[in-house]
């Protein structure tokens, strides 16, 4: 039975990685696409896929370890628990992608782990990992907003001219910032999907990251256009300086969290960066209705993931007679 449950856990993790890749296309390349720097969606998706694999392979190991062994002790990670955790997070992420609601897959993954752990009766590291995760999640949009404000002002000061040459430089800088965001996505969010592989001692952190990066790239290419359109066209009207400030703020904040081993939301980092960039120009630049939808999903979906994960684990454990 354990062998089949391990296969189910792997498939659920790969499914989650696929949904992550499709879900964060807008949070990585949406600015460049919305500003017209990239005209074809397929070009944006190909760039995301390439840089996601790089980031996942070389810098996701700290997050892999946190999700795999940091929320609950490794000895309590079971094949059934891992399968339920990943399936729940994947299902909720896919549902939000279908509704074009950007959410935090990091919060979904962690709340799914917590929900299943409570169903298992496993101890949760509330006073260590969970506390630092909450600090990271609260601090992400705040830090990104501050950086977005400062970087936009800096870009305005450095790029006073509006010649064709200046505009061309800004467009290339925005594209580079978006590629950096895609790399950061691989480093920061891959562990959400494949951390349980490490927790089950199936692969090393680097191998888990590479596999997760490839699956995320596939998700980007096959179902990523929906959120790319939503974020690229629907959240804020930004100029090139604001786009550069917002994207660099998002990437620096999320990359720092990944290096520390705490997964955070690329979407929340993006919204913080956009808010900071908008603050440098006036709040009228923000599409408040779109932001309100996203803020609502931040609170609703993690709680939903935790509850669903708990109920699925209890039901599956009873039905299969596995504890």
Foldseek 3Di string as FASTA:
>chain_A
DQVVLLVLLLVLLLLQLLLLLQQCLQLQCLQLCLQVLDPDLLVSLVLLLVLLLVLLQPAQLLQLQCLQDVFFHLVLQGSNLSSLLSNLLSVLSNVCVVVLAREFSLLLSSLLSVLSCVLSVTDTPCVPSVVVLVVLAVVQLVQLLQQLQVQLVVLCVVQVDDDPVSLVVLSVLLVVLSSLLSNLCLLFPLSSSQSNCVSNVNDHSSVSSNSSSNSSSNSSNPNNVSNSCCNNHPWFDDDSSSSSSLSNSLSVSSNVCSNVNHHYGSVSSSVSSNNNSCVNVDPVGGPVVSVVSNVVCHPPSSVVSSNSSNVVSNVVCVVVVND
